[in-house]
Amino acid sequence: MKFQFRSDMIQLPGLRYRIALMAIVLTTGLVFSVFSFSPAVHAASHVTAQGERCQIILAKLQSGEQTSRVLSSQCAQGNQQLLAPQASALLMTWYKDINYNGASTRIYGNSGPCDSAGYGIPNLGAYGSSWNDSVSSFKVWNNCYYTRAYTNINYGGTCKRYHNNVSWVGSTMNDKISSFWVNSDVHYC
């Protein structure tokens, strides 16, 4: 936006000069206030969009198990803090929206990072905010390079394999995932 100050405005007598000067001051103030408050409005709407955040701590699979036992589960709203568990490895984070946005849940492994057996999550609907059929994107950490997502609980239905972080699970799986399995190496559906 370009401002131009005309010298002929200064020569206006009394009232017209003050009105013109006031208009310039108000316009300048309005422009600066819009630019200075825009980020704050955006930040506030971003916090609201994030919604509920949850975390789940899973036990390592034991021989013959198909499901990682849940050791703890908790959720927080808004600015409430969730403390990351000590001696646990962050495995994955689910997001309700694409590009890692919206409500989220962090999954931790109490016995360290993913290995070949990995961690099995048989029913997303059992964890906060009704996660069943709600995941649109996810991130993985700590050797959890490979993920299998299923449309049914207990690893049933349509299965799709992913490698590393996924900013959108695709139209086949978007808002249809009911169970996950994360591993350090490739396992086929």
N, C-alpha and C. Protein backbone atom coordinates (compact mmCIF):
# COMPACT_ATOMS: atom_id res chain seq x y z
N MET A 1 0.85 -1.16 0.00
CA MET A 1 0.00 0.00 0.00
C MET A 1 0.89 1.23 0.00
N LYS A 2 0.59 2.20 -0.85
CA LYS A 2 1.42 3.38 -0.97
C LYS A 2 0.66 4.58 -0.42
N PHE A 3 1.33 5.34 0.47
CA PHE A 3 0.74 6.56 1.01
C PHE A 3 1.39 7.74 0.32
N GLN A 4 0.57 8.71 0.00
CA GLN A 4 1.08 9.90 -0.66
C GLN A 4 0.56 11.12 0.09
N PHE A 5 1.47 11.97 0.46
CA PHE A 5 1.09 13.18 1.18
C PHE A 5 1.16 14.34 0.20
N ARG A 6 0.05 14.99 0.02
CA ARG A 6 0.00 16.10 -0.94
C ARG A 6 0.26 17.41 -0.23
N SER A 7 1.17 18.19 -0.77
CA SER A 7 1.53 19.46 -0.14
C SER A 7 0.41 20.48 -0.20
N ASP A 8 -0.50 20.38 -1.17
CA ASP A 8 -1.59 21.35 -1.26
C ASP A 8 -2.58 21.17 -0.10
N MET A 9 -2.56 20.02 0.59
CA MET A 9 -3.43 19.78 1.73
C MET A 9 -3.00 20.66 2.91
N ILE A 10 -1.72 20.92 3.04
CA ILE A 10 -1.21 21.72 4.16
C ILE A 10 -1.73 23.15 4.08
N GLN A 11 -1.95 23.63 2.90
CA GLN A 11 -2.36 25.02 2.71
C GLN A 11 -3.86 25.24 2.91
N LEU A 12 -4.61 24.16 3.18
CA LEU A 12 -6.03 24.31 3.39
C LEU A 12 -6.28 25.06 4.69
N PRO A 13 -7.26 25.93 4.70
CA PRO A 13 -7.54 26.68 5.91
C PRO A 13 -8.20 25.82 6.98
N GLY A 14 -7.84 26.02 8.22
CA GLY A 14 -8.43 25.52 9.45
C GLY A 14 -9.02 24.13 9.45
N LEU A 15 -10.36 24.07 9.39
CA LEU A 15 -11.11 22.84 9.56
C LEU A 15 -10.76 21.79 8.50
N ARG A 16 -10.68 22.20 7.24
CA ARG A 16 -10.37 21.24 6.17
C ARG A 16 -9.00 20.62 6.39
N TYR A 17 -8.04 21.42 6.85
CA TYR A 17 -6.70 20.91 7.13
C TYR A 17 -6.74 19.88 8.25
N ARG A 18 -7.46 20.18 9.34
CA ARG A 18 -7.53 19.26 10.47
C ARG A 18 -8.25 17.96 10.10
N ILE A 19 -9.30 18.05 9.27
CA ILE A 19 -10.02 16.85 8.83
C ILE A 19 -9.10 15.98 7.96
N ALA A 20 -8.39 16.60 7.05
CA ALA A 20 -7.48 15.84 6.18
C ALA A 20 -6.37 15.19 7.00
N LEU A 21 -5.80 15.94 7.95
CA LEU A 21 -4.74 15.40 8.79
C LEU A 21 -5.27 14.25 9.65
N MET A 22 -6.47 14.40 10.21
CA MET A 22 -7.08 13.35 11.02
C MET A 22 -7.32 12.09 10.18
N ALA A 23 -7.76 12.25 8.94
CA ALA A 23 -7.99 11.11 8.06
C ALA A 23 -6.70 10.35 7.80
N ILE A 24 -5.61 11.08 7.61
CA ILE A 24 -4.31 10.44 7.37
C ILE A 24 -3.87 9.67 8.61
N VAL A 25 -4.00 10.28 9.77
CA VAL A 25 -3.59 9.63 11.03
C VAL A 25 -4.44 8.38 11.28
N LEU A 26 -5.75 8.48 11.10
CA LEU A 26 -6.63 7.33 11.33
C LEU A 26 -6.34 6.21 10.35
N THR A 27 -6.13 6.54 9.09
CA THR A 27 -5.84 5.51 8.08
C THR A 27 -4.52 4.80 8.42
N THR A 28 -3.51 5.58 8.78
CA THR A 28 -2.22 4.99 9.15
C THR A 28 -2.37 4.09 10.37
N GLY A 29 -3.08 4.56 11.38
CA GLY A 29 -3.30 3.76 12.59
C GLY A 29 -4.06 2.48 12.30
N LEU A 30 -5.06 2.57 11.44
CA LEU A 30 -5.85 1.39 11.08
C LEU A 30 -4.99 0.36 10.37
N VAL A 31 -4.18 0.82 9.43
CA VAL A 31 -3.31 -0.10 8.69
C VAL A 31 -2.36 -0.81 9.64
N PHE A 32 -1.70 -0.06 10.54
CA PHE A 32 -0.76 -0.67 11.47
C PHE A 32 -1.46 -1.60 12.46
N SER A 33 -2.66 -1.26 12.89
CA SER A 33 -3.36 -2.13 13.84
C SER A 33 -3.79 -3.42 13.18
N VAL A 34 -4.18 -3.38 11.93
CA VAL A 34 -4.56 -4.61 11.21
C VAL A 34 -3.37 -5.54 11.11
N PHE A 35 -2.21 -4.98 10.73
CA PHE A 35 -1.04 -5.82 10.59
C PHE A 35 -0.52 -6.32 11.93
N SER A 36 -0.64 -5.53 12.97
CA SER A 36 -0.12 -5.97 14.26
C SER A 36 -1.03 -6.97 14.95
N PHE A 37 -2.33 -6.98 14.68
CA PHE A 37 -3.23 -7.90 15.34
C PHE A 37 -3.51 -9.15 14.54
N SER A 38 -3.21 -9.19 13.28
CA SER A 38 -3.49 -10.37 12.46
C SER A 38 -2.82 -11.63 12.99
N PRO A 39 -1.52 -11.60 13.34
CA PRO A 39 -0.91 -12.82 13.86
C PRO A 39 -1.57 -13.32 15.14
N ALA A 40 -1.98 -12.43 16.02
CA ALA A 40 -2.60 -12.85 17.27
C ALA A 40 -3.92 -13.54 17.00
N VAL A 41 -4.70 -13.02 16.07
CA VAL A 41 -5.97 -13.65 15.74
C VAL A 41 -5.71 -15.03 15.15
N HIS A 42 -4.72 -15.14 14.27
CA HIS A 42 -4.40 -16.43 13.67
C HIS A 42 -3.93 -17.41 14.74
N ALA A 43 -3.08 -16.96 15.65
CA ALA A 43 -2.58 -17.85 16.69
C ALA A 43 -3.72 -18.36 17.55
N ALA A 44 -4.65 -17.50 17.89
CA ALA A 44 -5.78 -17.93 18.72
C ALA A 44 -6.62 -18.96 18.00
N SER A 45 -6.87 -18.77 16.71
CA SER A 45 -7.68 -19.74 15.98
C SER A 45 -6.92 -21.04 15.81
N HIS A 46 -5.59 -20.98 15.74
CA HIS A 46 -4.78 -22.19 15.60
C HIS A 46 -4.88 -23.04 16.87
N VAL A 47 -4.85 -22.39 18.03
CA VAL A 47 -4.97 -23.14 19.28
C VAL A 47 -6.33 -23.82 19.36
N THR A 48 -7.37 -23.11 18.98
CA THR A 48 -8.71 -23.69 19.00
C THR A 48 -8.79 -24.87 18.05
N ALA A 49 -8.18 -24.74 16.88
CA ALA A 49 -8.25 -25.83 15.90
C ALA A 49 -7.51 -27.07 16.38
N GLN A 50 -6.48 -26.89 17.21
CA GLN A 50 -5.72 -28.04 17.67
C GLN A 50 -6.56 -28.96 18.55
N GLY A 51 -7.44 -28.42 19.35
CA GLY A 51 -8.35 -29.21 20.15
C GLY A 51 -7.65 -30.08 21.17
N GLU A 52 -8.23 -31.23 21.42
CA GLU A 52 -7.75 -32.15 22.44
C GLU A 52 -6.44 -32.80 22.03
N ARG A 53 -5.53 -32.95 23.02
CA ARG A 53 -4.29 -33.67 22.82
C ARG A 53 -4.25 -34.79 23.84
N CYS A 54 -3.89 -35.97 23.39
CA CYS A 54 -3.83 -37.12 24.29
C CYS A 54 -2.49 -37.81 24.17
N GLN A 55 -2.20 -38.68 25.13
CA GLN A 55 -1.02 -39.53 25.03
C GLN A 55 -1.33 -40.89 25.63
N ILE A 56 -0.72 -41.90 25.00
CA ILE A 56 -0.92 -43.29 25.41
C ILE A 56 0.46 -43.91 25.58
N ILE A 57 0.65 -44.66 26.66
CA ILE A 57 1.91 -45.37 26.87
C ILE A 57 1.63 -46.86 26.74
N LEU A 58 2.35 -47.49 25.81
CA LEU A 58 2.15 -48.90 25.51
C LEU A 58 3.29 -49.75 26.05
N ALA A 59 2.96 -50.97 26.43
CA ALA A 59 3.96 -51.95 26.85
C ALA A 59 4.50 -52.66 25.61
N LYS A 60 5.71 -53.15 25.71
CA LYS A 60 6.33 -53.93 24.64
C LYS A 60 5.56 -55.23 24.47
N LEU A 61 5.43 -55.68 23.23
CA LEU A 61 4.77 -56.96 22.98
C LEU A 61 5.57 -58.10 23.60
N GLN A 62 4.87 -58.98 24.26
CA GLN A 62 5.49 -60.19 24.80
C GLN A 62 5.29 -61.32 23.79
N SER A 63 6.03 -62.37 23.94
CA SER A 63 5.94 -63.50 23.03
C SER A 63 4.49 -63.98 22.88
N GLY A 64 4.01 -64.06 21.66
CA GLY A 64 2.66 -64.53 21.37
C GLY A 64 1.57 -63.46 21.43
N GLU A 65 1.90 -62.26 21.91
CA GLU A 65 0.90 -61.20 22.00
C GLU A 65 0.70 -60.52 20.65
N GLN A 66 -0.53 -60.10 20.40
CA GLN A 66 -0.87 -59.35 19.19
C GLN A 66 -1.26 -57.91 19.50
N THR A 67 -1.30 -57.59 20.78
CA THR A 67 -1.74 -56.28 21.22
C THR A 67 -0.80 -55.75 22.27
N SER A 68 -0.38 -54.51 22.10
CA SER A 68 0.44 -53.87 23.12
C SER A 68 -0.48 -53.40 24.25
N ARG A 69 -0.18 -53.81 25.46
CA ARG A 69 -1.00 -53.41 26.61
C ARG A 69 -0.86 -51.92 26.86
N VAL A 70 -1.97 -51.27 27.19
CA VAL A 70 -1.97 -49.85 27.52
C VAL A 70 -1.62 -49.70 29.00
N LEU A 71 -0.53 -49.00 29.28
CA LEU A 71 -0.10 -48.78 30.65
C LEU A 71 -0.72 -47.52 31.23
N SER A 72 -0.94 -46.51 30.39
CA SER A 72 -1.63 -45.30 30.83
C SER A 72 -2.15 -44.54 29.61
N SER A 73 -3.16 -43.72 29.88
CA SER A 73 -3.77 -42.91 28.83
C SER A 73 -4.32 -41.65 29.48
N GLN A 74 -4.02 -40.48 28.91
CA GLN A 74 -4.56 -39.23 29.43
C GLN A 74 -4.71 -38.21 28.32
N CYS A 75 -5.60 -37.24 28.53
CA CYS A 75 -5.87 -36.20 27.54
C CYS A 75 -5.86 -34.83 28.21
N ALA A 76 -5.64 -33.79 27.39
CA ALA A 76 -5.66 -32.41 27.87
C ALA A 76 -6.33 -31.54 26.82
N GLN A 77 -6.92 -30.45 27.27
CA GLN A 77 -7.58 -29.49 26.39
C GLN A 77 -6.79 -28.18 26.39
N GLY A 78 -6.86 -27.44 25.30
CA GLY A 78 -6.29 -26.10 25.23
C GLY A 78 -4.84 -26.05 25.63
N ASN A 79 -4.53 -25.22 26.65
CA ASN A 79 -3.15 -25.01 27.07
C ASN A 79 -2.69 -25.95 28.18
N GLN A 80 -3.54 -26.88 28.61
CA GLN A 80 -3.12 -27.85 29.63
C GLN A 80 -1.91 -28.62 29.13
N GLN A 81 -0.98 -28.89 30.02
CA GLN A 81 0.24 -29.61 29.66
C GLN A 81 0.09 -31.11 29.87
N LEU A 82 0.70 -31.86 28.97
CA LEU A 82 0.85 -33.31 29.13
C LEU A 82 2.34 -33.56 29.31
N LEU A 83 2.72 -34.20 30.39
CA LEU A 83 4.13 -34.48 30.63
C LEU A 83 4.54 -35.74 29.89
N ALA A 84 5.62 -35.63 29.14
CA ALA A 84 6.14 -36.80 28.44
C ALA A 84 6.69 -37.78 29.47
N PRO A 85 6.34 -39.04 29.35
CA PRO A 85 6.80 -40.02 30.32
C PRO A 85 8.31 -40.24 30.23
N GLN A 86 8.96 -40.33 31.41
CA GLN A 86 10.40 -40.60 31.43
C GLN A 86 10.66 -42.03 30.99
N ALA A 87 11.80 -42.22 30.35
CA ALA A 87 12.26 -43.56 29.94
C ALA A 87 11.32 -44.22 28.94
N SER A 88 10.48 -43.46 28.29
CA SER A 88 9.63 -44.00 27.23
C SER A 88 10.01 -43.32 25.92
N ALA A 89 9.83 -44.02 24.83
CA ALA A 89 10.18 -43.48 23.52
C ALA A 89 8.91 -43.08 22.77
N LEU A 90 8.90 -41.87 22.22
CA LEU A 90 7.79 -41.44 21.39
C LEU A 90 7.81 -42.28 20.11
N LEU A 91 6.71 -42.96 19.84
CA LEU A 91 6.63 -43.85 18.68
C LEU A 91 5.90 -43.21 17.51
N MET A 92 4.73 -42.62 17.81
CA MET A 92 3.94 -42.04 16.73
C MET A 92 2.97 -41.02 17.28
N THR A 93 2.50 -40.13 16.42
CA THR A 93 1.46 -39.16 16.77
C THR A 93 0.40 -39.22 15.69
N TRP A 94 -0.85 -39.35 16.12
CA TRP A 94 -1.99 -39.33 15.19
C TRP A 94 -2.56 -37.91 15.16
N TYR A 95 -3.06 -37.52 14.00
CA TYR A 95 -3.71 -36.21 13.83
C TYR A 95 -5.05 -36.40 13.14
N LYS A 96 -6.04 -35.63 13.58
CA LYS A 96 -7.37 -35.72 12.98
C LYS A 96 -7.45 -35.08 11.61
N ASP A 97 -6.53 -34.16 11.30
CA ASP A 97 -6.56 -33.45 10.03
C ASP A 97 -5.28 -33.72 9.24
N ILE A 98 -5.32 -33.41 7.95
CA ILE A 98 -4.14 -33.58 7.11
C ILE A 98 -3.06 -32.60 7.53
N ASN A 99 -1.85 -32.86 7.08
CA ASN A 99 -0.68 -32.02 7.36
C ASN A 99 -0.43 -31.82 8.85
N TYR A 100 -0.70 -32.87 9.63
CA TYR A 100 -0.36 -32.89 11.05
C TYR A 100 -1.08 -31.79 11.84
N ASN A 101 -2.36 -31.60 11.57
CA ASN A 101 -3.17 -30.58 12.24
C ASN A 101 -4.34 -31.21 12.98
N GLY A 102 -5.00 -30.42 13.79
CA GLY A 102 -6.17 -30.86 14.53
C GLY A 102 -5.80 -31.56 15.82
N ALA A 103 -6.79 -32.17 16.44
CA ALA A 103 -6.56 -32.91 17.67
C ALA A 103 -5.50 -33.98 17.42
N SER A 104 -4.75 -34.31 18.47
CA SER A 104 -3.66 -35.27 18.28
C SER A 104 -3.53 -36.19 19.49
N THR A 105 -2.91 -37.34 19.25
CA THR A 105 -2.57 -38.27 20.31
C THR A 105 -1.16 -38.78 20.07
N ARG A 106 -0.33 -38.72 21.11
CA ARG A 106 1.04 -39.23 21.04
C ARG A 106 1.05 -40.63 21.64
N ILE A 107 1.74 -41.53 20.95
CA ILE A 107 1.88 -42.90 21.41
C ILE A 107 3.33 -43.12 21.83
N TYR A 108 3.53 -43.56 23.08
CA TYR A 108 4.86 -43.84 23.62
C TYR A 108 5.01 -45.33 23.87
N GLY A 109 6.23 -45.82 23.73
CA GLY A 109 6.56 -47.19 24.09
C GLY A 109 7.37 -47.18 25.37
N ASN A 110 6.94 -47.93 26.38
CA ASN A 110 7.64 -47.90 27.67
C ASN A 110 8.95 -48.69 27.63
N SER A 111 9.14 -49.50 26.61
CA SER A 111 10.36 -50.31 26.53
C SER A 111 11.26 -49.86 25.40
N GLY A 112 11.19 -48.60 25.07
CA GLY A 112 12.09 -48.06 24.06
C GLY A 112 11.51 -48.03 22.67
N PRO A 113 12.36 -47.80 21.69
CA PRO A 113 11.94 -47.60 20.31
C PRO A 113 11.39 -48.87 19.65
N CYS A 114 10.88 -48.70 18.45
CA CYS A 114 10.37 -49.84 17.68
C CYS A 114 11.50 -50.79 17.32
N ASP A 115 11.17 -52.06 17.29
CA ASP A 115 12.06 -53.09 16.78
C ASP A 115 11.26 -53.86 15.73
N SER A 116 11.72 -55.03 15.36
CA SER A 116 11.03 -55.82 14.33
C SER A 116 9.62 -56.20 14.75
N ALA A 117 9.42 -56.54 16.03
CA ALA A 117 8.07 -56.90 16.51
C ALA A 117 7.17 -55.67 16.56
N GLY A 118 7.75 -54.53 16.96
CA GLY A 118 7.01 -53.29 17.00
C GLY A 118 5.96 -53.22 18.09
N TYR A 119 4.98 -52.38 17.85
CA TYR A 119 3.87 -52.17 18.78
C TYR A 119 2.57 -52.29 18.01
N GLY A 120 1.62 -53.03 18.57
CA GLY A 120 0.32 -53.20 17.95
C GLY A 120 -0.76 -52.42 18.69
N ILE A 121 -1.54 -51.67 17.95
CA ILE A 121 -2.62 -50.86 18.52
C ILE A 121 -3.92 -51.34 17.87
N PRO A 122 -4.66 -52.25 18.52
CA PRO A 122 -5.76 -52.95 17.87
C PRO A 122 -7.08 -52.19 17.74
N ASN A 123 -7.26 -51.10 18.51
CA ASN A 123 -8.56 -50.42 18.48
C ASN A 123 -8.37 -48.95 18.83
N LEU A 124 -8.26 -48.11 17.80
CA LEU A 124 -8.06 -46.69 18.03
C LEU A 124 -9.24 -46.05 18.75
N GLY A 125 -10.42 -46.61 18.61
CA GLY A 125 -11.61 -46.06 19.25
C GLY A 125 -11.58 -46.14 20.77
N ALA A 126 -10.66 -46.91 21.31
CA ALA A 126 -10.58 -47.06 22.77
C ALA A 126 -9.78 -45.94 23.42
N TYR A 127 -9.19 -45.02 22.61
CA TYR A 127 -8.29 -44.00 23.14
C TYR A 127 -8.83 -42.59 22.90
N GLY A 128 -9.16 -41.86 23.94
CA GLY A 128 -9.56 -40.46 23.87
C GLY A 128 -10.29 -40.06 22.61
N SER A 129 -11.09 -39.08 22.66
CA SER A 129 -11.68 -38.40 21.51
C SER A 129 -12.22 -39.30 20.41
N SER A 130 -12.49 -40.54 20.69
CA SER A 130 -13.01 -41.46 19.68
C SER A 130 -12.17 -41.43 18.41
N TRP A 131 -10.99 -42.00 18.48
CA TRP A 131 -10.06 -41.97 17.36
C TRP A 131 -10.44 -42.92 16.23
N ASN A 132 -11.33 -43.86 16.48
CA ASN A 132 -11.72 -44.78 15.41
C ASN A 132 -12.24 -44.00 14.21
N ASP A 133 -11.71 -44.28 13.04
CA ASP A 133 -12.13 -43.63 11.79
C ASP A 133 -11.97 -42.11 11.85
N SER A 134 -10.86 -41.64 12.43
CA SER A 134 -10.64 -40.19 12.55
C SER A 134 -9.26 -39.74 12.10
N VAL A 135 -8.32 -40.64 11.87
CA VAL A 135 -6.93 -40.26 11.56
C VAL A 135 -6.82 -39.85 10.10
N SER A 136 -6.18 -38.68 9.88
CA SER A 136 -5.91 -38.21 8.51
C SER A 136 -4.42 -38.09 8.21
N SER A 137 -3.60 -37.97 9.26
CA SER A 137 -2.14 -37.91 9.07
C SER A 137 -1.48 -38.43 10.35
N PHE A 138 -0.20 -38.79 10.23
CA PHE A 138 0.53 -39.23 11.42
C PHE A 138 2.03 -39.07 11.21
N LYS A 139 2.74 -38.98 12.33
CA LYS A 139 4.21 -38.94 12.32
C LYS A 139 4.72 -40.11 13.13
N VAL A 140 5.91 -40.58 12.79
CA VAL A 140 6.55 -41.68 13.52
C VAL A 140 7.97 -41.28 13.91
N TRP A 141 8.45 -41.88 15.01
CA TRP A 141 9.79 -41.60 15.54
C TRP A 141 10.41 -42.89 16.07
N ASN A 142 11.68 -42.81 16.44
CA ASN A 142 12.39 -43.85 17.18
C ASN A 142 12.29 -45.24 16.55
N ASN A 143 12.77 -45.32 15.33
CA ASN A 143 12.86 -46.58 14.57
C ASN A 143 11.52 -47.12 14.09
N CYS A 144 10.44 -46.39 14.25
CA CYS A 144 9.13 -46.85 13.77
C CYS A 144 8.96 -46.43 12.31
N TYR A 145 9.80 -46.98 11.46
CA TYR A 145 9.85 -46.56 10.07
C TYR A 145 8.66 -47.05 9.24
N TYR A 146 8.08 -48.17 9.65
CA TYR A 146 7.01 -48.78 8.85
C TYR A 146 5.73 -48.91 9.65
N THR A 147 4.64 -48.54 9.02
CA THR A 147 3.33 -48.58 9.67
C THR A 147 2.36 -49.34 8.77
N ARG A 148 1.57 -50.19 9.41
CA ARG A 148 0.43 -50.81 8.72
C ARG A 148 -0.83 -50.25 9.37
N ALA A 149 -1.72 -49.74 8.53
CA ALA A 149 -2.99 -49.20 9.01
C ALA A 149 -4.11 -50.09 8.49
N TYR A 150 -5.12 -50.32 9.34
CA TYR A 150 -6.23 -51.22 8.99
C TYR A 150 -7.56 -50.50 9.18
N THR A 151 -8.52 -50.83 8.34
CA THR A 151 -9.84 -50.20 8.43
C THR A 151 -10.72 -50.82 9.50
N ASN A 152 -10.36 -51.99 10.00
CA ASN A 152 -11.14 -52.63 11.07
C ASN A 152 -10.27 -52.77 12.32
N ILE A 153 -10.93 -52.94 13.48
CA ILE A 153 -10.18 -53.19 14.70
C ILE A 153 -9.51 -54.56 14.60
N ASN A 154 -8.55 -54.80 15.46
CA ASN A 154 -7.82 -56.07 15.52
C ASN A 154 -7.15 -56.43 14.20
N TYR A 155 -6.67 -55.42 13.49
CA TYR A 155 -5.86 -55.59 12.27
C TYR A 155 -6.63 -56.30 11.16
N GLY A 156 -7.89 -55.94 10.99
CA GLY A 156 -8.71 -56.53 9.93
C GLY A 156 -9.10 -55.50 8.88
N GLY A 157 -9.79 -55.97 7.87
CA GLY A 157 -10.26 -55.10 6.80
C GLY A 157 -9.14 -54.73 5.83
N THR A 158 -9.31 -53.62 5.16
CA THR A 158 -8.30 -53.13 4.22
C THR A 158 -7.05 -52.72 4.98
N CYS A 159 -5.90 -53.08 4.44
CA CYS A 159 -4.62 -52.74 5.05
C CYS A 159 -3.80 -51.92 4.05
N LYS A 160 -3.12 -50.91 4.57
CA LYS A 160 -2.21 -50.12 3.73
C LYS A 160 -0.92 -49.92 4.51
N ARG A 161 0.21 -50.08 3.80
CA ARG A 161 1.52 -49.89 4.41
C ARG A 161 2.03 -48.48 4.13
N TYR A 162 2.72 -47.91 5.11
CA TYR A 162 3.31 -46.59 4.98
C TYR A 162 4.76 -46.64 5.43
N HIS A 163 5.55 -45.70 4.91
CA HIS A 163 6.94 -45.56 5.31
C HIS A 163 7.16 -44.14 5.81
N ASN A 164 7.66 -44.01 7.03
CA ASN A 164 7.95 -42.73 7.68
C ASN A 164 6.70 -41.89 7.91
N ASN A 165 6.86 -40.55 7.99
CA ASN A 165 5.74 -39.65 8.28
C ASN A 165 4.78 -39.59 7.10
N VAL A 166 3.49 -39.41 7.41
CA VAL A 166 2.46 -39.39 6.37
C VAL A 166 1.58 -38.15 6.59
N SER A 167 1.71 -37.16 5.69
CA SER A 167 0.95 -35.92 5.84
C SER A 167 -0.52 -36.08 5.45
N TRP A 168 -0.82 -37.12 4.70
CA TRP A 168 -2.21 -37.48 4.40
C TRP A 168 -2.23 -38.97 4.10
N VAL A 169 -3.10 -39.71 4.75
CA VAL A 169 -3.14 -41.15 4.60
C VAL A 169 -3.75 -41.59 3.28
N GLY A 170 -4.32 -40.68 2.52
CA GLY A 170 -4.91 -40.99 1.22
C GLY A 170 -6.41 -41.25 1.33
N SER A 171 -7.06 -41.19 0.20
CA SER A 171 -8.53 -41.30 0.18
C SER A 171 -9.02 -42.68 0.62
N THR A 172 -8.24 -43.72 0.37
CA THR A 172 -8.66 -45.06 0.77
C THR A 172 -8.74 -45.22 2.28
N MET A 173 -7.84 -44.54 3.01
CA MET A 173 -7.75 -44.73 4.46
C MET A 173 -8.18 -43.50 5.28
N ASN A 174 -8.36 -42.36 4.64
CA ASN A 174 -8.69 -41.15 5.39
C ASN A 174 -9.97 -41.32 6.20
N ASP A 175 -9.87 -41.07 7.49
CA ASP A 175 -10.99 -41.21 8.43
C ASP A 175 -11.59 -42.61 8.41
N LYS A 176 -10.74 -43.62 8.16
CA LYS A 176 -11.21 -45.01 8.13
C LYS A 176 -10.31 -45.95 8.93
N ILE A 177 -9.24 -45.44 9.52
CA ILE A 177 -8.28 -46.30 10.22
C ILE A 177 -8.82 -46.67 11.60
N SER A 178 -8.81 -47.98 11.89
CA SER A 178 -9.29 -48.48 13.19
C SER A 178 -8.21 -49.17 14.00
N SER A 179 -7.10 -49.58 13.37
CA SER A 179 -5.98 -50.18 14.10
C SER A 179 -4.67 -49.91 13.36
N PHE A 180 -3.56 -49.93 14.12
CA PHE A 180 -2.22 -49.65 13.60
C PHE A 180 -1.24 -50.70 14.10
N TRP A 181 -0.19 -50.90 13.32
CA TRP A 181 0.97 -51.67 13.76
C TRP A 181 2.20 -50.92 13.27
N VAL A 182 3.14 -50.60 14.18
CA VAL A 182 4.36 -49.90 13.81
C VAL A 182 5.57 -50.77 14.09
N ASN A 183 6.54 -50.77 13.16
CA ASN A 183 7.72 -51.64 13.25
C ASN A 183 8.95 -50.89 12.76
N SER A 184 10.11 -51.49 13.02
CA SER A 184 11.36 -50.94 12.51
C SER A 184 11.69 -51.46 11.12
N ASP A 185 11.06 -52.53 10.70
CA ASP A 185 11.33 -53.05 9.35
C ASP A 185 10.02 -53.43 8.65
N VAL A 186 10.15 -53.76 7.37
CA VAL A 186 8.96 -54.00 6.53
C VAL A 186 8.24 -55.28 6.93
N HIS A 187 6.94 -55.15 7.10
CA HIS A 187 6.03 -56.28 7.28
C HIS A 187 4.89 -56.07 6.29
N TYR A 188 4.47 -57.08 5.62
CA TYR A 188 3.45 -56.93 4.59
C TYR A 188 2.06 -57.13 5.20
N CYS A 189 1.09 -56.54 4.54
CA CYS A 189 -0.31 -56.68 5.00
C CYS A 189 -0.80 -58.09 4.79
